[in-house]
């Protein structure tokens, strides 16, 4: 059975829940680039981000930045 999530977390604690997102954009209208971000919605700001392609290697570099 799942656990209920809190409405807010202590801002001094490393969050247990966040959201990962990937945004595709273009550089000079010819080269695709992806911005991967990790967002924590209970406090403003982005936990981390990387630029790259949509591969798992790019995701892993973001994951490594976020891992304690």
N, C-alpha and C. Protein backbone atom coordinates (compact mmCIF):
# COMPACT_ATOMS: atom_id res chain seq x y z
N UNK A 1 0.83 -1.18 0.00
CA UNK A 1 0.00 0.00 0.00
C UNK A 1 0.88 1.25 0.00
N UNK A 2 0.48 2.26 -0.71
CA UNK A 2 1.25 3.49 -0.79
C UNK A 2 1.12 4.35 0.44
N UNK A 3 2.07 5.26 0.63
CA UNK A 3 2.03 6.20 1.75
C UNK A 3 1.46 7.52 1.25
N UNK A 4 0.78 8.23 2.12
CA UNK A 4 0.31 9.56 1.80
C UNK A 4 1.49 10.52 1.85
N UNK A 5 1.54 11.45 0.89
CA UNK A 5 2.59 12.46 0.88
C UNK A 5 2.20 13.64 1.75
N UNK A 6 3.18 14.27 2.35
CA UNK A 6 2.94 15.46 3.15
C UNK A 6 2.59 16.64 2.23
N UNK A 7 1.90 17.63 2.78
CA UNK A 7 1.59 18.83 2.00
C UNK A 7 2.81 19.71 1.82
N UNK A 8 3.76 19.62 2.74
CA UNK A 8 4.98 20.42 2.65
C UNK A 8 6.08 19.72 3.43
N UNK A 9 7.30 19.95 3.02
CA UNK A 9 8.46 19.39 3.70
C UNK A 9 9.25 20.50 4.36
N UNK A 10 10.04 20.13 5.35
CA UNK A 10 10.96 21.07 5.98
C UNK A 10 11.97 21.52 4.92
N UNK A 11 12.13 22.82 4.73
CA UNK A 11 13.04 23.30 3.66
C UNK A 11 14.51 22.95 3.89
N UNK A 12 14.87 22.56 5.10
CA UNK A 12 16.26 22.20 5.39
C UNK A 12 16.55 20.72 5.13
N UNK A 13 15.54 19.95 4.82
CA UNK A 13 15.70 18.51 4.61
C UNK A 13 15.79 18.22 3.11
N UNK A 14 16.66 17.29 2.73
CA UNK A 14 16.74 16.87 1.33
C UNK A 14 15.43 16.21 0.96
N UNK A 15 14.78 16.65 -0.12
CA UNK A 15 13.46 16.12 -0.45
C UNK A 15 13.49 14.64 -0.84
N UNK A 16 12.42 13.93 -0.45
CA UNK A 16 12.26 12.54 -0.85
C UNK A 16 11.53 12.45 -2.18
N UNK A 17 10.76 13.50 -2.53
CA UNK A 17 9.95 13.50 -3.74
C UNK A 17 10.27 14.75 -4.54
N UNK A 18 10.54 14.57 -5.81
CA UNK A 18 10.72 15.70 -6.72
C UNK A 18 10.26 15.24 -8.09
N UNK A 19 10.36 16.10 -9.07
CA UNK A 19 9.93 15.75 -10.42
C UNK A 19 11.07 15.98 -11.39
N UNK A 20 11.26 15.02 -12.29
CA UNK A 20 12.26 15.14 -13.34
C UNK A 20 11.54 15.49 -14.63
N UNK A 21 12.15 16.37 -15.41
CA UNK A 21 11.52 16.79 -16.66
C UNK A 21 12.59 16.93 -17.73
N UNK A 22 12.17 16.80 -18.98
CA UNK A 22 13.07 16.91 -20.13
C UNK A 22 12.41 17.83 -21.14
N UNK A 23 13.10 18.88 -21.55
CA UNK A 23 12.57 19.86 -22.49
C UNK A 23 13.46 19.88 -23.72
N UNK A 24 12.87 19.72 -24.88
CA UNK A 24 13.62 19.78 -26.14
C UNK A 24 13.57 21.20 -26.69
N UNK A 25 14.69 21.70 -27.13
CA UNK A 25 14.75 23.01 -27.75
C UNK A 25 15.78 22.96 -28.88
N UNK A 26 15.97 24.04 -29.56
CA UNK A 26 16.89 24.09 -30.69
C UNK A 26 17.94 25.16 -30.48
N UNK A 27 19.14 24.91 -30.99
CA UNK A 27 20.21 25.88 -31.04
C UNK A 27 20.39 26.22 -32.51
N UNK A 28 20.23 27.47 -32.86
CA UNK A 28 20.34 27.93 -34.26
C UNK A 28 19.38 27.20 -35.20
N UNK A 29 18.23 26.78 -34.69
CA UNK A 29 17.15 26.15 -35.46
C UNK A 29 17.55 24.86 -36.18
N UNK A 30 18.73 24.36 -35.95
CA UNK A 30 19.15 23.13 -36.65
C UNK A 30 19.62 22.03 -35.70
N UNK A 31 20.09 22.40 -34.53
CA UNK A 31 20.65 21.42 -33.60
C UNK A 31 19.73 21.28 -32.40
N UNK A 32 19.17 20.07 -32.21
CA UNK A 32 18.33 19.81 -31.06
C UNK A 32 19.18 19.65 -29.82
N UNK A 33 18.68 20.15 -28.71
CA UNK A 33 19.33 19.97 -27.42
C UNK A 33 18.23 19.78 -26.38
N UNK A 34 18.50 19.00 -25.36
CA UNK A 34 17.53 18.72 -24.32
C UNK A 34 18.03 19.28 -23.00
N UNK A 35 17.13 19.91 -22.28
CA UNK A 35 17.41 20.40 -20.94
C UNK A 35 16.69 19.47 -19.97
N UNK A 36 17.45 18.76 -19.16
CA UNK A 36 16.90 17.88 -18.14
C UNK A 36 16.94 18.64 -16.81
N UNK A 37 15.83 18.65 -16.07
CA UNK A 37 15.79 19.35 -14.78
C UNK A 37 15.15 18.46 -13.71
N UNK A 38 15.52 18.73 -12.49
CA UNK A 38 14.89 18.13 -11.32
C UNK A 38 14.32 19.28 -10.50
N UNK A 39 13.01 19.24 -10.27
CA UNK A 39 12.31 20.34 -9.61
C UNK A 39 11.71 19.84 -8.30
N UNK A 40 11.80 20.67 -7.28
CA UNK A 40 11.21 20.39 -5.97
C UNK A 40 10.14 21.45 -5.75
N UNK A 41 8.87 21.06 -5.82
CA UNK A 41 7.78 22.03 -5.83
C UNK A 41 7.42 22.62 -4.48
N UNK A 42 7.93 22.06 -3.38
CA UNK A 42 7.62 22.61 -2.07
C UNK A 42 8.52 23.80 -1.73
N UNK A 43 9.52 24.04 -2.53
CA UNK A 43 10.39 25.19 -2.36
C UNK A 43 10.74 25.68 -3.76
N UNK A 44 10.82 27.00 -3.97
CA UNK A 44 11.12 27.48 -5.32
C UNK A 44 12.52 27.10 -5.74
N UNK A 45 12.65 26.84 -7.01
CA UNK A 45 13.96 26.57 -7.56
C UNK A 45 14.10 25.19 -8.15
N UNK A 46 15.21 25.03 -8.81
CA UNK A 46 15.54 23.77 -9.49
C UNK A 46 16.66 23.10 -8.71
N UNK A 47 16.51 21.81 -8.45
CA UNK A 47 17.53 21.06 -7.71
C UNK A 47 18.78 20.84 -8.54
N UNK A 48 18.61 20.66 -9.85
CA UNK A 48 19.75 20.41 -10.72
C UNK A 48 19.30 20.37 -12.16
N UNK A 49 20.26 20.47 -13.05
CA UNK A 49 19.95 20.41 -14.47
C UNK A 49 21.18 20.08 -15.30
N UNK A 50 20.95 19.49 -16.46
CA UNK A 50 22.02 19.18 -17.40
C UNK A 50 21.51 19.42 -18.82
N UNK A 51 22.41 19.75 -19.71
CA UNK A 51 22.11 19.87 -21.13
C UNK A 51 22.70 18.67 -21.85
N UNK A 52 21.99 18.16 -22.84
CA UNK A 52 22.51 17.02 -23.59
C UNK A 52 21.48 16.47 -24.55
N UNK A 53 21.61 15.18 -24.81
CA UNK A 53 20.67 14.50 -25.71
C UNK A 53 19.65 13.74 -24.85
N UNK A 54 18.68 13.05 -25.48
CA UNK A 54 17.66 12.36 -24.70
C UNK A 54 18.08 10.97 -24.20
N UNK A 55 19.36 10.71 -24.16
CA UNK A 55 19.85 9.37 -23.80
C UNK A 55 19.86 9.14 -22.29
N UNK A 56 19.99 7.88 -21.93
CA UNK A 56 20.07 7.53 -20.51
C UNK A 56 21.37 8.04 -19.89
N UNK A 57 22.42 8.20 -20.70
CA UNK A 57 23.68 8.73 -20.17
C UNK A 57 23.50 10.16 -19.66
N UNK A 58 22.73 10.97 -20.38
CA UNK A 58 22.46 12.34 -19.94
C UNK A 58 21.66 12.33 -18.65
N UNK A 59 20.64 11.46 -18.59
CA UNK A 59 19.86 11.33 -17.37
C UNK A 59 20.76 10.92 -16.20
N UNK A 60 21.64 9.97 -16.42
CA UNK A 60 22.52 9.50 -15.35
C UNK A 60 23.42 10.61 -14.83
N UNK A 61 23.85 11.52 -15.71
CA UNK A 61 24.68 12.63 -15.21
C UNK A 61 23.88 13.55 -14.30
N UNK A 62 22.57 13.75 -14.60
CA UNK A 62 21.71 14.51 -13.69
C UNK A 62 21.51 13.75 -12.40
N UNK A 63 21.25 12.46 -12.50
CA UNK A 63 21.03 11.62 -11.31
C UNK A 63 22.26 11.67 -10.40
N UNK A 64 23.46 11.61 -10.99
CA UNK A 64 24.69 11.66 -10.19
C UNK A 64 24.82 12.99 -9.45
N UNK A 65 24.38 14.09 -10.08
CA UNK A 65 24.43 15.39 -9.42
C UNK A 65 23.51 15.44 -8.20
N UNK A 66 22.37 14.73 -8.29
CA UNK A 66 21.37 14.79 -7.24
C UNK A 66 21.61 13.79 -6.12
N UNK A 67 22.34 12.73 -6.39
CA UNK A 67 22.58 11.70 -5.39
C UNK A 67 23.52 12.21 -4.32
N UNK A 68 23.18 11.95 -3.04
CA UNK A 68 24.06 12.42 -1.96
C UNK A 68 25.37 11.69 -1.92
